[in-house]
């Protein structure tokens, strides 16, 4: 998109755009999601909590509710073909 800012992740911080004076967001808690056809593997930092759920609409809805309580600064999602679209849209 023209004029859209691109995020760049560098050593546990996110900077927006490429201007060194740009706003910096400190990532206090992030969530990583590994996506496969049948399963989502979730990791929460810095607590180290890890769990899995099925990659189905019902389990994705439950996952979203669970992640809301974590109030993450960043969610990182593996883009696997089109398998990530349902969970990315829900989050």
PDB file of N, CA and C in Angstrom:
ATOM      1  N   UNK A   1       0.837  -1.169   0.000  1.00  0.00           N
ATOM      2  CA  UNK A   1       0.000   0.000   0.000  1.00  0.00           C
ATOM      3  C   UNK A   1       0.888   1.241   0.000  1.00  0.00           C
ATOM      4  N   UNK A   2       0.614   2.177  -0.848  1.00  0.00           N
ATOM      5  CA  UNK A   2       1.386   3.405  -0.853  1.00  0.00           C
ATOM      6  C   UNK A   2       1.216   4.158   0.458  1.00  0.00           C
ATOM      7  N   UNK A   3       2.299   4.624   1.005  1.00  0.00           N
ATOM      8  CA  UNK A   3       2.263   5.407   2.233  1.00  0.00           C
ATOM      9  C   UNK A   3       2.149   4.589   3.502  1.00  0.00           C
ATOM     10  N   UNK A   4       1.996   3.262   3.400  1.00  0.00           N
ATOM     11  CA  UNK A   4       1.887   2.425   4.590  1.00  0.00           C
ATOM     12  C   UNK A   4       3.254   2.268   5.227  1.00  0.00           C
ATOM     13  N   UNK A   5       3.274   2.245   6.554  1.00  0.00           N
ATOM     14  CA  UNK A   5       4.538   2.049   7.260  1.00  0.00           C
ATOM     15  C   UNK A   5       4.820   0.571   7.383  1.00  0.00           C
ATOM     16  N   UNK A   6       6.050   0.184   7.147  1.00  0.00           N
ATOM     17  CA  UNK A   6       6.448  -1.205   7.266  1.00  0.00           C
ATOM     18  C   UNK A   6       7.129  -1.398   8.619  1.00  0.00           C
ATOM     19  N   UNK A   7       6.825  -2.505   9.291  1.00  0.00           N
ATOM     20  CA  UNK A   7       7.430  -2.788  10.585  1.00  0.00           C
ATOM     21  C   UNK A   7       8.717  -3.565  10.381  1.00  0.00           C
ATOM     22  N   UNK A   8       9.691  -3.263  11.183  1.00  0.00           N
ATOM     23  CA  UNK A   8      10.959  -3.985  11.149  1.00  0.00           C
ATOM     24  C   UNK A   8      11.256  -4.425  12.578  1.00  0.00           C
ATOM     25  N   UNK A   9      11.520  -5.711  12.786  1.00  0.00           N
ATOM     26  CA  UNK A   9      11.780  -6.246  14.115  1.00  0.00           C
ATOM     27  C   UNK A   9      13.286  -6.396  14.291  1.00  0.00           C
ATOM     28  N   UNK A  10      13.812  -5.798  15.345  1.00  0.00           N
ATOM     29  CA  UNK A  10      15.239  -5.867  15.615  1.00  0.00           C
ATOM     30  C   UNK A  10      15.457  -6.043  17.110  1.00  0.00           C
ATOM     31  N   UNK A  11      16.044  -7.119  17.519  1.00  0.00           N
ATOM     32  CA  UNK A  11      16.417  -7.375  18.903  1.00  0.00           C
ATOM     33  C   UNK A  11      15.336  -6.974  19.903  1.00  0.00           C
ATOM     34  N   UNK A  12      14.207  -7.619  19.829  1.00  0.00           N
ATOM     35  CA  UNK A  12      13.097  -7.453  20.775  1.00  0.00           C
ATOM     36  C   UNK A  12      12.514  -6.046  20.776  1.00  0.00           C
ATOM     37  N   UNK A  13      12.551  -5.372  19.655  1.00  0.00           N
ATOM     38  CA  UNK A  13      11.845  -4.101  19.542  1.00  0.00           C
ATOM     39  C   UNK A  13      11.350  -3.944  18.113  1.00  0.00           C
ATOM     40  N   UNK A  14      10.311  -3.188  17.944  1.00  0.00           N
ATOM     41  CA  UNK A  14       9.735  -2.974  16.620  1.00  0.00           C
ATOM     42  C   UNK A  14       9.881  -1.492  16.295  1.00  0.00           C
ATOM     43  N   UNK A  15      10.408  -1.206  15.120  1.00  0.00           N
ATOM     44  CA  UNK A  15      10.468   0.181  14.672  1.00  0.00           C
ATOM     45  C   UNK A  15       9.592   0.295  13.440  1.00  0.00           C
ATOM     46  N   UNK A  16       8.918   1.413  13.300  1.00  0.00           N
ATOM     47  CA  UNK A  16       8.007   1.611  12.189  1.00  0.00           C
ATOM     48  C   UNK A  16       8.667   2.508  11.154  1.00  0.00           C
ATOM     49  N   UNK A  17       8.726   2.021   9.921  1.00  0.00           N
ATOM     50  CA  UNK A  17       9.385   2.767   8.864  1.00  0.00           C
ATOM     51  C   UNK A  17      10.888   2.543   8.933  1.00  0.00           C
ATOM     52  N   UNK A  18      11.624   3.363   8.245  1.00  0.00           N
ATOM     53  CA  UNK A  18      13.073   3.200   8.214  1.00  0.00           C
ATOM     54  C   UNK A  18      13.791   4.427   8.738  1.00  0.00           C
ATOM     55  N   UNK A  19      13.063   5.359   9.310  1.00  0.00           N
ATOM     56  CA  UNK A  19      13.646   6.552   9.907  1.00  0.00           C
ATOM     57  C   UNK A  19      14.198   6.184  11.281  1.00  0.00           C
ATOM     58  N   UNK A  20      15.497   6.414  11.544  1.00  0.00           N
ATOM     59  CA  UNK A  20      16.066   6.063  12.855  1.00  0.00           C
ATOM     60  C   UNK A  20      15.425   6.826  14.007  1.00  0.00           C
ATOM     61  N   UNK A  21      14.731   7.913  13.712  1.00  0.00           N
ATOM     62  CA  UNK A  21      14.053   8.676  14.764  1.00  0.00           C
ATOM     63  C   UNK A  21      12.606   8.243  14.938  1.00  0.00           C
ATOM     64  N   UNK A  22      12.220   7.177  14.269  1.00  0.00           N
ATOM     65  CA  UNK A  22      10.834   6.696  14.310  1.00  0.00           C
ATOM     66  C   UNK A  22      10.483   6.187  15.707  1.00  0.00           C
ATOM     67  N   UNK A  23       9.190   6.077  15.942  1.00  0.00           N
ATOM     68  CA  UNK A  23       8.694   5.578  17.219  1.00  0.00           C
ATOM     69  C   UNK A  23       9.191   4.152  17.457  1.00  0.00           C
ATOM     70  N   UNK A  24       9.576   3.851  18.684  1.00  0.00           N
ATOM     71  CA  UNK A  24      10.047   2.517  19.048  1.00  0.00           C
ATOM     72  C   UNK A  24       9.091   1.940  20.088  1.00  0.00           C
ATOM     73  N   UNK A  25       8.667   0.695  19.873  1.00  0.00           N
ATOM     74  CA  UNK A  25       7.782   0.003  20.799  1.00  0.00           C
ATOM     75  C   UNK A  25       8.577  -1.123  21.445  1.00  0.00           C
ATOM     76  N   UNK A  26       8.659  -1.126  22.755  1.00  0.00           N
ATOM     77  CA  UNK A  26       9.358  -2.198  23.467  1.00  0.00           C
ATOM     78  C   UNK A  26       8.401  -3.381  23.592  1.00  0.00           C
ATOM     79  N   UNK A  27       8.875  -4.545  23.204  1.00  0.00           N
ATOM     80  CA  UNK A  27       8.049  -5.746  23.245  1.00  0.00           C
ATOM     81  C   UNK A  27       8.228  -6.410  24.606  1.00  0.00           C
ATOM     82  N   UNK A  28       7.208  -6.293  25.453  1.00  0.00           N
ATOM     83  CA  UNK A  28       7.270  -6.881  26.787  1.00  0.00           C
ATOM     84  C   UNK A  28       6.804  -8.327  26.767  1.00  0.00           C
ATOM     85  N   UNK A  29       5.823  -8.614  25.960  1.00  0.00           N
ATOM     86  CA  UNK A  29       5.319  -9.980  25.852  1.00  0.00           C
ATOM     87  C   UNK A  29       4.907 -10.234  24.414  1.00  0.00           C
ATOM     88  N   UNK A  30       5.404 -11.319  23.844  1.00  0.00           N
ATOM     89  CA  UNK A  30       5.035 -11.671  22.479  1.00  0.00           C
ATOM     90  C   UNK A  30       4.563 -13.106  22.435  1.00  0.00           C
ATOM     91  N   UNK A  31       3.794 -13.392  21.402  1.00  0.00           N
ATOM     92  CA  UNK A  31       3.241 -14.725  21.211  1.00  0.00           C
ATOM     93  C   UNK A  31       3.630 -15.195  19.819  1.00  0.00           C
ATOM     94  N   UNK A  32       4.180 -16.403  19.741  1.00  0.00           N
ATOM     95  CA  UNK A  32       4.534 -17.001  18.467  1.00  0.00           C
ATOM     96  C   UNK A  32       3.599 -18.163  18.169  1.00  0.00           C
ATOM     97  N   UNK A  33       3.135 -18.236  16.933  1.00  0.00           N
ATOM     98  CA  UNK A  33       2.224 -19.313  16.544  1.00  0.00           C
ATOM     99  C   UNK A  33       2.774 -20.014  15.312  1.00  0.00           C
ATOM    100  N   UNK A  34       3.028 -21.309  15.460  1.00  0.00           N
ATOM    101  CA  UNK A  34       3.462 -22.153  14.347  1.00  0.00           C
ATOM    102  C   UNK A  34       2.213 -22.801  13.767  1.00  0.00           C
ATOM    103  N   UNK A  35       2.025 -22.658  12.478  1.00  0.00           N
ATOM    104  CA  UNK A  35       0.785 -23.087  11.827  1.00  0.00           C
ATOM    105  C   UNK A  35       1.011 -24.332  10.986  1.00  0.00           C
ATOM    106  N   UNK A  36       0.148 -25.313  11.158  1.00  0.00           N
ATOM    107  CA  UNK A  36       0.123 -26.469  10.260  1.00  0.00           C
ATOM    108  C   UNK A  36      -1.338 -26.732   9.899  1.00  0.00           C
ATOM    109  N   UNK A  37      -1.557 -27.669   9.006  1.00  0.00           N
ATOM    110  CA  UNK A  37      -2.910 -27.930   8.519  1.00  0.00           C
ATOM    111  C   UNK A  37      -3.874 -28.313   9.643  1.00  0.00           C
ATOM    112  N   UNK A  38      -3.410 -29.136  10.569  1.00  0.00           N
ATOM    113  CA  UNK A  38      -4.305 -29.639  11.609  1.00  0.00           C
ATOM    114  C   UNK A  38      -4.104 -28.985  12.977  1.00  0.00           C
ATOM    115  N   UNK A  39      -2.942 -28.333  13.199  1.00  0.00           N
ATOM    116  CA  UNK A  39      -2.634 -27.899  14.553  1.00  0.00           C
ATOM    117  C   UNK A  39      -1.942 -26.537  14.573  1.00  0.00           C
ATOM    118  N   UNK A  40      -2.156 -25.810  15.670  1.00  0.00           N
ATOM    119  CA  UNK A  40      -1.438 -24.569  15.949  1.00  0.00           C
ATOM    120  C   UNK A  40      -0.614 -24.801  17.205  1.00  0.00           C
ATOM    121  N   UNK A  41       0.674 -24.494  17.144  1.00  0.00           N
ATOM    122  CA  UNK A  41       1.545 -24.576  18.315  1.00  0.00           C
ATOM    123  C   UNK A  41       1.831 -23.156  18.765  1.00  0.00           C
ATOM    124  N   UNK A  42       1.543 -22.868  20.029  1.00  0.00           N
ATOM    125  CA  UNK A  42       1.625 -21.510  20.545  1.00  0.00           C
ATOM    126  C   UNK A  42       2.704 -21.444  21.623  1.00  0.00           C
ATOM    127  N   UNK A  43       3.506 -20.359  21.569  1.00  0.00           N
ATOM    128  CA  UNK A  43       4.534 -20.104  22.581  1.00  0.00           C
ATOM    129  C   UNK A  43       4.358 -18.671  23.060  1.00  0.00           C
ATOM    130  N   UNK A  44       4.394 -18.481  24.373  1.00  0.00           N
ATOM    131  CA  UNK A  44       4.239 -17.153  24.954  1.00  0.00           C
ATOM    132  C   UNK A  44       5.526 -16.777  25.685  1.00  0.00           C
ATOM    133  N   UNK A  45       6.090 -15.643  25.284  1.00  0.00           N
ATOM    134  CA  UNK A  45       7.304 -15.138  25.919  1.00  0.00           C
ATOM    135  C   UNK A  45       6.929 -13.914  26.746  1.00  0.00           C
ATOM    136  N   UNK A  46       7.500 -13.673  27.875  1.00  0.00           N
ATOM    137  CA  UNK A  46       8.652 -14.313  28.476  1.00  0.00           C
ATOM    138  C   UNK A  46       8.325 -15.451  29.439  1.00  0.00           C
ATOM    139  N   UNK A  47       7.050 -15.826  29.581  1.00  0.00           N
ATOM    140  CA  UNK A  47       6.674 -16.847  30.565  1.00  0.00           C
ATOM    141  C   UNK A  47       7.110 -18.253  30.165  1.00  0.00           C
ATOM    142  N   UNK A  48       7.293 -18.485  28.862  1.00  0.00           N
ATOM    143  CA  UNK A  48       7.666 -19.815  28.385  1.00  0.00           C
ATOM    144  C   UNK A  48       6.491 -20.766  28.266  1.00  0.00           C
ATOM    145  N   UNK A  49       5.290 -20.250  28.448  1.00  0.00           N
ATOM    146  CA  UNK A  49       4.100 -21.084  28.321  1.00  0.00           C
ATOM    147  C   UNK A  49       3.976 -21.571  26.879  1.00  0.00           C
ATOM    148  N   UNK A  50       3.720 -22.861  26.703  1.00  0.00           N
ATOM    149  CA  UNK A  50       3.568 -23.433  25.361  1.00  0.00           C
ATOM    150  C   UNK A  50       2.393 -24.403  25.382  1.00  0.00           C
ATOM    151  N   UNK A  51       1.615 -24.371  24.324  1.00  0.00           N
ATOM    152  CA  UNK A  51       0.483 -25.285  24.203  1.00  0.00           C
ATOM    153  C   UNK A  51       0.097 -25.390  22.743  1.00  0.00           C
ATOM    154  N   UNK A  52      -0.785 -26.316  22.443  1.00  0.00           N
ATOM    155  CA  UNK A  52      -1.259 -26.544  21.074  1.00  0.00           C
ATOM    156  C   UNK A  52      -2.776 -26.561  21.060  1.00  0.00           C
ATOM    157  N   UNK A  53      -3.328 -26.305  19.881  1.00  0.00           N
ATOM    158  CA  UNK A  53      -4.763 -26.462  19.681  1.00  0.00           C
ATOM    159  C   UNK A  53      -5.000 -26.850  18.233  1.00  0.00           C
ATOM    160  N   UNK A  54      -6.165 -27.381  17.966  1.00  0.00           N
ATOM    161  CA  UNK A  54      -6.502 -27.758  16.601  1.00  0.00           C
ATOM    162  C   UNK A  54      -6.715 -26.513  15.751  1.00  0.00           C
ATOM    163  N   UNK A  55      -6.402 -26.603  14.478  1.00  0.00           N
ATOM    164  CA  UNK A  55      -6.595 -25.496  13.547  1.00  0.00           C
ATOM    165  C   UNK A  55      -8.018 -25.577  12.975  1.00  0.00           C
ATOM    166  N   UNK A  56      -8.991 -25.362  13.861  1.00  0.00           N
ATOM    167  CA  UNK A  56     -10.406 -25.384  13.490  1.00  0.00           C
ATOM    168  C   UNK A  56     -11.048 -24.073  13.945  1.00  0.00           C
ATOM    169  N   UNK A  57     -12.152 -23.671  13.332  1.00  0.00           N
ATOM    170  CA  UNK A  57     -12.794 -22.413  13.735  1.00  0.00           C
ATOM    171  C   UNK A  57     -13.141 -22.348  15.224  1.00  0.00           C
ATOM    172  N   UNK A  58     -13.622 -23.431  15.799  1.00  0.00           N
ATOM    173  CA  UNK A  58     -13.999 -23.443  17.220  1.00  0.00           C
ATOM    174  C   UNK A  58     -12.768 -23.255  18.102  1.00  0.00           C
ATOM    175  N   UNK A  59     -11.702 -23.997  17.824  1.00  0.00           N
ATOM    176  CA  UNK A  59     -10.493 -23.898  18.649  1.00  0.00           C
ATOM    177  C   UNK A  59      -9.775 -22.571  18.436  1.00  0.00           C
ATOM    178  N   UNK A  60      -9.845 -22.028  17.227  1.00  0.00           N
ATOM    179  CA  UNK A  60      -9.251 -20.709  16.974  1.00  0.00           C
ATOM    180  C   UNK A  60      -9.979 -19.648  17.796  1.00  0.00           C
ATOM    181  N   UNK A  61     -11.306 -19.723  17.859  1.00  0.00           N
ATOM    182  CA  UNK A  61     -12.085 -18.771  18.669  1.00  0.00           C
ATOM    183  C   UNK A  61     -11.704 -18.881  20.148  1.00  0.00           C
ATOM    184  N   UNK A  62     -11.523 -20.094  20.643  1.00  0.00           N
ATOM    185  CA  UNK A  62     -11.102 -20.295  22.030  1.00  0.00           C
ATOM    186  C   UNK A  62      -9.691 -19.751  22.249  1.00  0.00           C
ATOM    187  N   UNK A  63      -8.823 -19.947  21.265  1.00  0.00           N
ATOM    188  CA  UNK A  63      -7.455 -19.435  21.349  1.00  0.00           C
ATOM    189  C   UNK A  63      -7.456 -17.912  21.441  1.00  0.00           C
ATOM    190  N   UNK A  64      -8.246 -17.264  20.610  1.00  0.00           N
ATOM    191  CA  UNK A  64      -8.319 -15.804  20.621  1.00  0.00           C
ATOM    192  C   UNK A  64      -8.743 -15.305  22.007  1.00  0.00           C
ATOM    193  N   UNK A  65      -9.743 -15.931  22.597  1.00  0.00           N
ATOM    194  CA  UNK A  65     -10.188 -15.527  23.934  1.00  0.00           C
ATOM    195  C   UNK A  65      -9.077 -15.732  24.966  1.00  0.00           C
ATOM    196  N   UNK A  66      -8.342 -16.822  24.851  1.00  0.00           N
ATOM    197  CA  UNK A  66      -7.234 -17.097  25.779  1.00  0.00           C
ATOM    198  C   UNK A  66      -6.115 -16.074  25.605  1.00  0.00           C
ATOM    199  N   UNK A  67      -5.808 -15.711  24.366  1.00  0.00           N
ATOM    200  CA  UNK A  67      -4.722 -14.765  24.115  1.00  0.00           C
ATOM    201  C   UNK A  67      -5.081 -13.348  24.534  1.00  0.00           C
ATOM    202  N   UNK A  68      -6.363 -13.003  24.510  1.00  0.00           N
ATOM    203  CA  UNK A  68      -6.789 -11.673  24.958  1.00  0.00           C
ATOM    204  C   UNK A  68      -6.382 -11.422  26.405  1.00  0.00           C
ATOM    205  N   UNK A  69      -6.413 -12.454  27.218  1.00  0.00           N
ATOM    206  CA  UNK A  69      -6.060 -12.298  28.634  1.00  0.00           C
ATOM    207  C   UNK A  69      -4.563 -12.051  28.823  1.00  0.00           C
ATOM    208  N   UNK A  70      -3.767 -12.363  27.810  1.00  0.00           N
ATOM    209  CA  UNK A  70      -2.306 -12.195  27.897  1.00  0.00           C
ATOM    210  C   UNK A  70      -1.873 -10.769  27.559  1.00  0.00           C
ATOM    211  N   UNK A  71      -2.716 -10.046  26.822  1.00  0.00           N
ATOM    212  CA  UNK A  71      -2.416  -8.671  26.417  1.00  0.00           C
ATOM    213  C   UNK A  71      -1.018  -8.544  25.787  1.00  0.00           C
ATOM    214  N   UNK A  72      -0.756  -9.293  24.707  1.00  0.00           N
ATOM    215  CA  UNK A  72       0.582  -9.277  24.114  1.00  0.00           C
ATOM    216  C   UNK A  72       0.885  -7.975  23.377  1.00  0.00           C
ATOM    217  N   UNK A  73       2.171  -7.638  23.327  1.00  0.00           N
ATOM    218  CA  UNK A  73       2.630  -6.496  22.559  1.00  0.00           C
ATOM    219  C   UNK A  73       2.732  -6.857  21.082  1.00  0.00           C
ATOM    220  N   UNK A  74       3.041  -8.127  20.806  1.00  0.00           N
ATOM    221  CA  UNK A  74       3.262  -8.582  19.434  1.00  0.00           C
ATOM    222  C   UNK A  74       2.830 -10.029  19.296  1.00  0.00           C
ATOM    223  N   UNK A  75       2.196 -10.352  18.175  1.00  0.00           N
ATOM    224  CA  UNK A  75       1.889 -11.745  17.836  1.00  0.00           C
ATOM    225  C   UNK A  75       2.579 -12.041  16.518  1.00  0.00           C
ATOM    226  N   UNK A  76       3.424 -13.071  16.529  1.00  0.00           N
ATOM    227  CA  UNK A  76       4.162 -13.483  15.343  1.00  0.00           C
ATOM    228  C   UNK A  76       3.547 -14.773  14.845  1.00  0.00           C
ATOM    229  N   UNK A  77       3.226 -14.813  13.573  1.00  0.00           N
ATOM    230  CA  UNK A  77       2.496 -15.936  13.008  1.00  0.00           C
ATOM    231  C   UNK A  77       3.225 -16.441  11.775  1.00  0.00           C
ATOM    232  N   UNK A  78       3.430 -17.734  11.700  1.00  0.00           N
ATOM    233  CA  UNK A  78       4.058 -18.325  10.525  1.00  0.00           C
ATOM    234  C   UNK A  78       3.076 -18.304   9.361  1.00  0.00           C
ATOM    235  N   UNK A  79       3.493 -17.744   8.250  1.00  0.00           N
ATOM    236  CA  UNK A  79       2.654 -17.721   7.055  1.00  0.00           C
ATOM    237  C   UNK A  79       2.903 -19.001   6.263  1.00  0.00           C
ATOM    238  N   UNK A  80       2.023 -19.959   6.416  1.00  0.00           N
ATOM    239  CA  UNK A  80       2.161 -21.264   5.780  1.00  0.00           C
ATOM    240  C   UNK A  80       1.109 -21.406   4.694  1.00  0.00           C
ATOM    241  N   UNK A  81       1.541 -21.285   3.460  1.00  0.00           N
ATOM    242  CA  UNK A  81       0.600 -21.296   2.332  1.00  0.00           C
ATOM    243  C   UNK A  81      -0.600 -20.436   2.703  1.00  0.00           C
ATOM    244  N   UNK A  82      -1.781 -21.001   2.686  1.00  0.00           N
ATOM    245  CA  UNK A  82      -2.973 -20.246   3.097  1.00  0.00           C
ATOM    246  C   UNK A  82      -3.486 -20.713   4.456  1.00  0.00           C
ATOM    247  N   UNK A  83      -2.753 -21.594   5.104  1.00  0.00           N
ATOM    248  CA  UNK A  83      -3.223 -22.183   6.353  1.00  0.00           C
ATOM    249  C   UNK A  83      -3.297 -21.180   7.498  1.00  0.00           C
ATOM    250  N   UNK A  84      -2.545 -20.113   7.429  1.00  0.00           N
ATOM    251  CA  UNK A  84      -2.483 -19.128   8.512  1.00  0.00           C
ATOM    252  C   UNK A  84      -3.622 -18.099   8.449  1.00  0.00           C
ATOM    253  N   UNK A  85      -4.330 -18.020   7.350  1.00  0.00           N
ATOM    254  CA  UNK A  85      -5.283 -16.936   7.130  1.00  0.00           C
ATOM    255  C   UNK A  85      -6.413 -16.929   8.163  1.00  0.00           C
ATOM    256  N   UNK A  86      -6.960 -18.085   8.499  1.00  0.00           N
ATOM    257  CA  UNK A  86      -8.079 -18.122   9.452  1.00  0.00           C
ATOM    258  C   UNK A  86      -7.659 -17.602  10.834  1.00  0.00           C
ATOM    259  N   UNK A  87      -6.509 -18.058  11.329  1.00  0.00           N
ATOM    260  CA  UNK A  87      -6.077 -17.613  12.654  1.00  0.00           C
ATOM    261  C   UNK A  87      -5.611 -16.167  12.610  1.00  0.00           C
ATOM    262  N   UNK A  88      -4.952 -15.746  11.532  1.00  0.00           N
ATOM    263  CA  UNK A  88      -4.502 -14.357  11.428  1.00  0.00           C
ATOM    264  C   UNK A  88      -5.695 -13.404  11.409  1.00  0.00           C
ATOM    265  N   UNK A  89      -6.731 -13.779  10.686  1.00  0.00           N
ATOM    266  CA  UNK A  89      -7.941 -12.951  10.613  1.00  0.00           C
ATOM    267  C   UNK A  89      -8.632 -12.882  11.977  1.00  0.00           C
ATOM    268  N   UNK A  90      -8.665 -13.982  12.690  1.00  0.00           N
ATOM    269  CA  UNK A  90      -9.341 -14.030  13.989  1.00  0.00           C
ATOM    270  C   UNK A  90      -8.608 -13.199  15.038  1.00  0.00           C
ATOM    271  N   UNK A  91      -7.296 -13.218  14.962  1.00  0.00           N
ATOM    272  CA  UNK A  91      -6.501 -12.464  15.950  1.00  0.00           C
ATOM    273  C   UNK A  91      -6.577 -10.988  15.639  1.00  0.00           C
TER     274      UNK A  91
END
